[in-house]
Amino acid sequence: MAKITALYLERFAYTPEGTLGRLNLPERTLYTLEPPWRNNQVSISCIPEGTYTVKRNTTGRWRYYEIQQVPGRTHIEIHPANRVLSPGTGRRILEGCIAPGMDLERNFMAGVRNSAQACDPLLAICGEADWTLTIVRTDLGRAVIEAMVRDGVIETRPGDDDPGAIALMHKLAQKSRSR
């Protein structure tokens, strides 16, 4: 399989507990978890939308990938984590980093499942070479994604093909209305 040189992460839910997104690989979709948006504050916020170079990191804490040149931030990694905070200790697991998952957590407002397992296809597809990650919000992402589809860079599928994401969006909408 040829290694890819660019991926996009489309964020679709910003909650007080975390930011959820989709990372579309050629053969599958991974879900992503990041800390909530807190104005790019170090250690407690997800990083800003944008395009970043990602390098293989074999010496860092997690030894997967490190996102380069994030404004005002360092050591932003892509690594396994199912939640932003450890449920047992409340210790922060994600300090601005991105955790891929095989599925969304159904019993928690913001979490992913099988995060360590999700890192395997990412490593297989991205390999050791540098690659580009573009992070977009759903509203901005729509135009970017439509252009990528039009240019033949990616393929898309209807939201009905992902009932878990639709169910989560309904749950988040209800919670938002109850505030």
Foldseek 3Di string as FASTA:
>chain_A
DAADFEWEWEWEDADQFWTKTWIDDPVAIWIKTAAHADPCDFQHHAADFFKWKKAQACDDPARGIFTPDGPPYGDAEEHADFGQADPVPRHGPHRNHMFIARAADPPDLGGHHPRRVVSVVVCVRNPGDMHMYGYYYPVVVVVVVVVCVVVVNDDDDDPVVPVRVVVSVVVVVVVVVVD
